[in-house]
């Protein structure tokens, strides 16, 4: 977006960030429903996300070794 504003209107860009955002971004109508077959994977990853949040927000854990386990498993 910065490039579009830095280019300016004369070069096909935009005069402001508001103008650039209005022309470059749009929400798609409707909701995205999760795939129920992937619920267990979603739950596992969300649990790790919460752990990551706590790790960086509140102090250290063994998170990195746990995440390495997920990378190397083959199920």
PDB file of N, CA and C in Angstrom:
ATOM      1  N   UNK A   1       0.823  -1.171   0.000  1.00  0.00           N
ATOM      2  CA  UNK A   1       0.000   0.000   0.000  1.00  0.00           C
ATOM      3  C   UNK A   1       0.877   1.247   0.000  1.00  0.00           C
ATOM      4  N   UNK A   2       1.993   1.186   0.724  1.00  0.00           N
ATOM      5  CA  UNK A   2       2.883   2.345   0.746  1.00  0.00           C
ATOM      6  C   UNK A   2       3.357   2.708  -0.659  1.00  0.00           C
ATOM      7  N   UNK A   3       3.646   1.699  -1.460  1.00  0.00           N
ATOM      8  CA  UNK A   3       4.084   1.949  -2.825  1.00  0.00           C
ATOM      9  C   UNK A   3       3.025   2.664  -3.645  1.00  0.00           C
ATOM     10  N   UNK A   4       1.763   2.277  -3.453  1.00  0.00           N
ATOM     11  CA  UNK A   4       0.671   2.907  -4.196  1.00  0.00           C
ATOM     12  C   UNK A   4       0.511   4.366  -3.806  1.00  0.00           C
ATOM     13  N   UNK A   5       0.744   4.673  -2.529  1.00  0.00           N
ATOM     14  CA  UNK A   5       0.638   6.067  -2.087  1.00  0.00           C
ATOM     15  C   UNK A   5       1.885   6.840  -2.508  1.00  0.00           C
ATOM     16  N   UNK A   6       3.052   6.213  -2.373  1.00  0.00           N
ATOM     17  CA  UNK A   6       4.303   6.890  -2.747  1.00  0.00           C
ATOM     18  C   UNK A   6       4.331   7.214  -4.237  1.00  0.00           C
ATOM     19  N   UNK A   7       3.744   6.357  -5.062  1.00  0.00           N
ATOM     20  CA  UNK A   7       3.716   6.599  -6.507  1.00  0.00           C
ATOM     21  C   UNK A   7       2.887   7.826  -6.838  1.00  0.00           C
ATOM     22  N   UNK A   8       1.834   8.038  -6.068  1.00  0.00           N
ATOM     23  CA  UNK A   8       0.971   9.192  -6.311  1.00  0.00           C
ATOM     24  C   UNK A   8      -0.031   8.929  -7.413  1.00  0.00           C
ATOM     25  N   UNK A   9      -1.029   9.776  -7.457  1.00  0.00           N
ATOM     26  CA  UNK A   9      -2.114   9.622  -8.437  1.00  0.00           C
ATOM     27  C   UNK A   9      -1.623   9.749  -9.870  1.00  0.00           C
ATOM     28  N   UNK A  10      -0.661  10.601 -10.102  1.00  0.00           N
ATOM     29  CA  UNK A  10      -0.199  10.819 -11.478  1.00  0.00           C
ATOM     30  C   UNK A  10       0.466   9.573 -12.062  1.00  0.00           C
ATOM     31  N   UNK A  11       0.944   8.685 -11.202  1.00  0.00           N
ATOM     32  CA  UNK A  11       1.591   7.457 -11.689  1.00  0.00           C
ATOM     33  C   UNK A  11       0.680   6.244 -11.524  1.00  0.00           C
ATOM     34  N   UNK A  12      -0.607   6.478 -11.323  1.00  0.00           N
ATOM     35  CA  UNK A  12      -1.556   5.378 -11.190  1.00  0.00           C
ATOM     36  C   UNK A  12      -1.731   4.891  -9.770  1.00  0.00           C
ATOM     37  N   UNK A  13      -1.169   5.626  -8.804  1.00  0.00           N
ATOM     38  CA  UNK A  13      -1.296   5.257  -7.401  1.00  0.00           C
ATOM     39  C   UNK A  13      -2.452   5.969  -6.743  1.00  0.00           C
ATOM     40  N   UNK A  14      -2.290   6.240  -5.476  1.00  0.00           N
ATOM     41  CA  UNK A  14      -3.364   6.874  -4.709  1.00  0.00           C
ATOM     42  C   UNK A  14      -2.816   8.060  -3.930  1.00  0.00           C
ATOM     43  N   UNK A  15      -3.698   8.991  -3.610  1.00  0.00           N
ATOM     44  CA  UNK A  15      -3.313  10.216  -2.917  1.00  0.00           C
ATOM     45  C   UNK A  15      -3.168  10.004  -1.412  1.00  0.00           C
ATOM     46  N   UNK A  16      -3.809   8.957  -0.862  1.00  0.00           N
ATOM     47  CA  UNK A  16      -3.756   8.739   0.580  1.00  0.00           C
ATOM     48  C   UNK A  16      -3.884   7.251   0.889  1.00  0.00           C
ATOM     49  N   UNK A  17      -3.565   6.888   2.130  1.00  0.00           N
ATOM     50  CA  UNK A  17      -3.732   5.503   2.548  1.00  0.00           C
ATOM     51  C   UNK A  17      -5.201   5.107   2.569  1.00  0.00           C
ATOM     52  N   UNK A  18      -6.055   6.034   2.945  1.00  0.00           N
ATOM     53  CA  UNK A  18      -7.493   5.757   2.959  1.00  0.00           C
ATOM     54  C   UNK A  18      -7.969   5.427   1.550  1.00  0.00           C
ATOM     55  N   UNK A  19      -7.570   6.231   0.582  1.00  0.00           N
ATOM     56  CA  UNK A  19      -7.949   5.987  -0.806  1.00  0.00           C
ATOM     57  C   UNK A  19      -7.402   4.646  -1.295  1.00  0.00           C
ATOM     58  N   UNK A  20      -6.147   4.356  -0.976  1.00  0.00           N
ATOM     59  CA  UNK A  20      -5.540   3.090  -1.393  1.00  0.00           C
ATOM     60  C   UNK A  20      -6.279   1.916  -0.774  1.00  0.00           C
ATOM     61  N   UNK A  21      -6.598   1.995   0.516  1.00  0.00           N
ATOM     62  CA  UNK A  21      -7.294   0.901   1.198  1.00  0.00           C
ATOM     63  C   UNK A  21      -8.682   0.685   0.611  1.00  0.00           C
ATOM     64  N   UNK A  22      -9.382   1.773   0.305  1.00  0.00           N
ATOM     65  CA  UNK A  22     -10.728   1.653  -0.254  1.00  0.00           C
ATOM     66  C   UNK A  22     -10.716   0.969  -1.618  1.00  0.00           C
ATOM     67  N   UNK A  23      -9.659   1.182  -2.394  1.00  0.00           N
ATOM     68  CA  UNK A  23      -9.593   0.612  -3.732  1.00  0.00           C
ATOM     69  C   UNK A  23      -8.889  -0.741  -3.786  1.00  0.00           C
ATOM     70  N   UNK A  24      -8.067  -1.045  -2.792  1.00  0.00           N
ATOM     71  CA  UNK A  24      -7.258  -2.261  -2.853  1.00  0.00           C
ATOM     72  C   UNK A  24      -7.799  -3.401  -1.984  1.00  0.00           C
ATOM     73  N   UNK A  25      -8.635  -3.105  -1.032  1.00  0.00           N
ATOM     74  CA  UNK A  25      -9.104  -4.130  -0.101  1.00  0.00           C
ATOM     75  C   UNK A  25     -10.615  -4.256  -0.173  1.00  0.00           C
ATOM     76  N   UNK A  26     -11.087  -5.477  -0.043  1.00  0.00           N
ATOM     77  CA  UNK A  26     -12.527  -5.712  -0.034  1.00  0.00           C
ATOM     78  C   UNK A  26     -12.808  -7.002   0.725  1.00  0.00           C
ATOM     79  N   UNK A  27     -13.907  -7.009   1.437  1.00  0.00           N
ATOM     80  CA  UNK A  27     -14.335  -8.218   2.130  1.00  0.00           C
ATOM     81  C   UNK A  27     -15.227  -9.028   1.209  1.00  0.00           C
ATOM     82  N   UNK A  28     -15.063 -10.334   1.265  1.00  0.00           N
ATOM     83  CA  UNK A  28     -15.940 -11.201   0.494  1.00  0.00           C
ATOM     84  C   UNK A  28     -17.181 -11.491   1.327  1.00  0.00           C
ATOM     85  N   UNK A  29     -18.348 -11.485   0.695  1.00  0.00           N
ATOM     86  CA  UNK A  29     -19.570 -11.760   1.453  1.00  0.00           C
ATOM     87  C   UNK A  29     -19.607 -13.220   1.907  1.00  0.00           C
ATOM     88  N   UNK A  30     -20.274 -13.444   3.016  1.00  0.00           N
ATOM     89  CA  UNK A  30     -20.463 -14.805   3.506  1.00  0.00           C
ATOM     90  C   UNK A  30     -19.420 -15.215   4.524  1.00  0.00           C
ATOM     91  N   UNK A  31     -19.653 -16.354   5.113  1.00  0.00           N
ATOM     92  CA  UNK A  31     -18.759 -16.886   6.138  1.00  0.00           C
ATOM     93  C   UNK A  31     -18.020 -18.095   5.596  1.00  0.00           C
ATOM     94  N   UNK A  32     -16.882 -18.356   6.176  1.00  0.00           N
ATOM     95  CA  UNK A  32     -16.114 -19.548   5.829  1.00  0.00           C
ATOM     96  C   UNK A  32     -16.298 -20.545   6.963  1.00  0.00           C
ATOM     97  N   UNK A  33     -16.831 -21.704   6.661  1.00  0.00           N
ATOM     98  CA  UNK A  33     -17.039 -22.726   7.675  1.00  0.00           C
ATOM     99  C   UNK A  33     -15.872 -23.691   7.682  1.00  0.00           C
ATOM    100  N   UNK A  34     -15.383 -24.048   8.876  1.00  0.00           N
ATOM    101  CA  UNK A  34     -14.274 -25.000   8.939  1.00  0.00           C
ATOM    102  C   UNK A  34     -14.718 -26.390   8.476  1.00  0.00           C
ATOM    103  N   UNK A  35     -13.775 -27.149   7.986  1.00  0.00           N
ATOM    104  CA  UNK A  35     -14.043 -28.510   7.557  1.00  0.00           C
ATOM    105  C   UNK A  35     -14.098 -29.395   8.803  1.00  0.00           C
ATOM    106  N   UNK A  36     -15.248 -30.023   9.099  1.00  0.00           N
ATOM    107  CA  UNK A  36     -15.372 -30.825  10.319  1.00  0.00           C
ATOM    108  C   UNK A  36     -14.369 -31.981  10.378  1.00  0.00           C
ATOM    109  N   UNK A  37     -13.942 -32.486   9.224  1.00  0.00           N
ATOM    110  CA  UNK A  37     -12.964 -33.582   9.215  1.00  0.00           C
ATOM    111  C   UNK A  37     -11.618 -33.142   9.773  1.00  0.00           C
ATOM    112  N   UNK A  38     -11.369 -31.842   9.773  1.00  0.00           N
ATOM    113  CA  UNK A  38     -10.093 -31.325  10.255  1.00  0.00           C
ATOM    114  C   UNK A  38     -10.175 -30.772  11.675  1.00  0.00           C
ATOM    115  N   UNK A  39     -11.280 -31.011  12.362  1.00  0.00           N
ATOM    116  CA  UNK A  39     -11.482 -30.433  13.689  1.00  0.00           C
ATOM    117  C   UNK A  39     -10.377 -30.820  14.662  1.00  0.00           C
ATOM    118  N   UNK A  40      -9.949 -32.060  14.657  1.00  0.00           N
ATOM    119  CA  UNK A  40      -8.897 -32.495  15.587  1.00  0.00           C
ATOM    120  C   UNK A  40      -7.594 -31.741  15.314  1.00  0.00           C
ATOM    121  N   UNK A  41      -7.249 -31.575  14.046  1.00  0.00           N
ATOM    122  CA  UNK A  41      -6.029 -30.844  13.688  1.00  0.00           C
ATOM    123  C   UNK A  41      -6.155 -29.376  14.096  1.00  0.00           C
ATOM    124  N   UNK A  42      -7.324 -28.780  13.854  1.00  0.00           N
ATOM    125  CA  UNK A  42      -7.543 -27.393  14.268  1.00  0.00           C
ATOM    126  C   UNK A  42      -7.347 -27.266  15.775  1.00  0.00           C
ATOM    127  N   UNK A  43      -7.941 -28.200  16.523  1.00  0.00           N
ATOM    128  CA  UNK A  43      -7.852 -28.142  17.975  1.00  0.00           C
ATOM    129  C   UNK A  43      -6.412 -28.279  18.454  1.00  0.00           C
ATOM    130  N   UNK A  44      -5.654 -29.179  17.848  1.00  0.00           N
ATOM    131  CA  UNK A  44      -4.247 -29.363  18.227  1.00  0.00           C
ATOM    132  C   UNK A  44      -3.443 -28.093  17.949  1.00  0.00           C
ATOM    133  N   UNK A  45      -3.625 -27.540  16.770  1.00  0.00           N
ATOM    134  CA  UNK A  45      -2.871 -26.337  16.415  1.00  0.00           C
ATOM    135  C   UNK A  45      -3.279 -25.142  17.259  1.00  0.00           C
ATOM    136  N   UNK A  46      -4.560 -25.048  17.576  1.00  0.00           N
ATOM    137  CA  UNK A  46      -5.010 -23.938  18.418  1.00  0.00           C
ATOM    138  C   UNK A  46      -4.421 -24.062  19.822  1.00  0.00           C
ATOM    139  N   UNK A  47      -4.353 -25.280  20.342  1.00  0.00           N
ATOM    140  CA  UNK A  47      -3.737 -25.489  21.659  1.00  0.00           C
ATOM    141  C   UNK A  47      -2.276 -25.040  21.636  1.00  0.00           C
ATOM    142  N   UNK A  48      -1.568 -25.338  20.557  1.00  0.00           N
ATOM    143  CA  UNK A  48      -0.170 -24.910  20.435  1.00  0.00           C
ATOM    144  C   UNK A  48      -0.079 -23.402  20.269  1.00  0.00           C
ATOM    145  N   UNK A  49      -1.036 -22.809  19.558  1.00  0.00           N
ATOM    146  CA  UNK A  49      -1.068 -21.349  19.431  1.00  0.00           C
ATOM    147  C   UNK A  49      -1.201 -20.708  20.810  1.00  0.00           C
ATOM    148  N   UNK A  50      -2.109 -21.243  21.634  1.00  0.00           N
ATOM    149  CA  UNK A  50      -2.282 -20.693  22.974  1.00  0.00           C
ATOM    150  C   UNK A  50      -1.005 -20.846  23.785  1.00  0.00           C
ATOM    151  N   UNK A  51      -0.349 -21.978  23.645  1.00  0.00           N
ATOM    152  CA  UNK A  51       0.906 -22.195  24.349  1.00  0.00           C
ATOM    153  C   UNK A  51       1.968 -21.208  23.873  1.00  0.00           C
ATOM    154  N   UNK A  52       2.017 -20.985  22.565  1.00  0.00           N
ATOM    155  CA  UNK A  52       2.962 -20.021  22.006  1.00  0.00           C
ATOM    156  C   UNK A  52       2.692 -18.621  22.553  1.00  0.00           C
ATOM    157  N   UNK A  53       1.423 -18.256  22.599  1.00  0.00           N
ATOM    158  CA  UNK A  53       1.044 -16.959  23.153  1.00  0.00           C
ATOM    159  C   UNK A  53       1.540 -16.835  24.585  1.00  0.00           C
ATOM    160  N   UNK A  54       1.292 -17.864  25.386  1.00  0.00           N
ATOM    161  CA  UNK A  54       1.722 -17.821  26.779  1.00  0.00           C
ATOM    162  C   UNK A  54       3.240 -17.821  26.890  1.00  0.00           C
ATOM    163  N   UNK A  55       3.902 -18.557  26.015  1.00  0.00           N
ATOM    164  CA  UNK A  55       5.357 -18.645  26.046  1.00  0.00           C
ATOM    165  C   UNK A  55       5.992 -17.267  25.851  1.00  0.00           C
ATOM    166  N   UNK A  56       5.548 -16.568  24.832  1.00  0.00           N
ATOM    167  CA  UNK A  56       6.148 -15.268  24.551  1.00  0.00           C
ATOM    168  C   UNK A  56       5.558 -14.162  25.409  1.00  0.00           C
ATOM    169  N   UNK A  57       4.342 -14.350  25.897  1.00  0.00           N
ATOM    170  CA  UNK A  57       3.700 -13.307  26.683  1.00  0.00           C
ATOM    171  C   UNK A  57       3.920 -13.426  28.173  1.00  0.00           C
ATOM    172  N   UNK A  58       4.248 -14.656  28.645  1.00  0.00           N
ATOM    173  CA  UNK A  58       4.297 -14.843  30.091  1.00  0.00           C
ATOM    174  C   UNK A  58       5.520 -15.586  30.601  1.00  0.00           C
ATOM    175  N   UNK A  59       6.366 -16.099  29.720  1.00  0.00           N
ATOM    176  CA  UNK A  59       7.538 -16.831  30.193  1.00  0.00           C
ATOM    177  C   UNK A  59       7.763 -18.086  29.385  1.00  0.00           C
ATOM    178  N   UNK A  60       8.908 -18.724  29.544  1.00  0.00           N
ATOM    179  CA  UNK A  60       9.305 -19.852  28.715  1.00  0.00           C
ATOM    180  C   UNK A  60       8.646 -21.175  29.062  1.00  0.00           C
ATOM    181  N   UNK A  61       8.568 -22.055  28.063  1.00  0.00           N
ATOM    182  CA  UNK A  61       8.086 -23.429  28.206  1.00  0.00           C
ATOM    183  C   UNK A  61       8.938 -24.313  27.305  1.00  0.00           C
ATOM    184  N   UNK A  62       8.590 -25.577  27.204  1.00  0.00           N
ATOM    185  CA  UNK A  62       9.295 -26.488  26.287  1.00  0.00           C
ATOM    186  C   UNK A  62       8.623 -26.509  24.908  1.00  0.00           C
ATOM    187  N   UNK A  63       8.023 -25.415  24.529  1.00  0.00           N
ATOM    188  CA  UNK A  63       7.242 -25.322  23.300  1.00  0.00           C
ATOM    189  C   UNK A  63       8.027 -25.716  22.051  1.00  0.00           C
ATOM    190  N   UNK A  64       9.236 -25.234  21.902  1.00  0.00           N
ATOM    191  CA  UNK A  64       9.968 -25.491  20.660  1.00  0.00           C
ATOM    192  C   UNK A  64      10.220 -26.990  20.453  1.00  0.00           C
ATOM    193  N   UNK A  65      10.552 -27.723  21.494  1.00  0.00           N
ATOM    194  CA  UNK A  65      10.766 -29.165  21.320  1.00  0.00           C
ATOM    195  C   UNK A  65       9.454 -29.861  20.976  1.00  0.00           C
ATOM    196  N   UNK A  66       8.347 -29.399  21.523  1.00  0.00           N
ATOM    197  CA  UNK A  66       7.041 -29.963  21.184  1.00  0.00           C
ATOM    198  C   UNK A  66       6.712 -29.698  19.721  1.00  0.00           C
ATOM    199  N   UNK A  67       6.975 -28.487  19.240  1.00  0.00           N
ATOM    200  CA  UNK A  67       6.699 -28.162  17.838  1.00  0.00           C
ATOM    201  C   UNK A  67       7.598 -28.967  16.897  1.00  0.00           C
ATOM    202  N   UNK A  68       8.852 -29.224  17.276  1.00  0.00           N
ATOM    203  CA  UNK A  68       9.724 -30.054  16.446  1.00  0.00           C
ATOM    204  C   UNK A  68       9.139 -31.458  16.303  1.00  0.00           C
ATOM    205  N   UNK A  69       8.516 -31.948  17.363  1.00  0.00           N
ATOM    206  CA  UNK A  69       7.869 -33.258  17.313  1.00  0.00           C
ATOM    207  C   UNK A  69       6.788 -33.273  16.227  1.00  0.00           C
ATOM    208  N   UNK A  70       5.988 -32.228  16.125  1.00  0.00           N
ATOM    209  CA  UNK A  70       4.940 -32.161  15.106  1.00  0.00           C
ATOM    210  C   UNK A  70       5.543 -32.152  13.702  1.00  0.00           C
ATOM    211  N   UNK A  71       6.679 -31.493  13.550  1.00  0.00           N
ATOM    212  CA  UNK A  71       7.312 -31.397  12.237  1.00  0.00           C
ATOM    213  C   UNK A  71       7.823 -32.757  11.771  1.00  0.00           C
ATOM    214  N   UNK A  72       8.316 -33.578  12.692  1.00  0.00           N
ATOM    215  CA  UNK A  72       8.959 -34.829  12.301  1.00  0.00           C
ATOM    216  C   UNK A  72       8.020 -36.028  12.311  1.00  0.00           C
ATOM    217  N   UNK A  73       6.834 -35.920  12.865  1.00  0.00           N
ATOM    218  CA  UNK A  73       5.952 -37.089  12.885  1.00  0.00           C
ATOM    219  C   UNK A  73       5.332 -37.308  11.504  1.00  0.00           C
ATOM    220  N   UNK A  74       4.937 -38.520  11.243  1.00  0.00           N
ATOM    221  CA  UNK A  74       4.427 -38.852   9.889  1.00  0.00           C
ATOM    222  C   UNK A  74       3.100 -39.601   9.973  1.00  0.00           C
ATOM    223  N   UNK A  75       2.089 -38.973  10.571  1.00  0.00           N
ATOM    224  CA  UNK A  75       0.791 -39.648  10.622  1.00  0.00           C
ATOM    225  C   UNK A  75      -0.216 -38.999   9.754  1.00  0.00           C
TER     226      UNK A  75
END
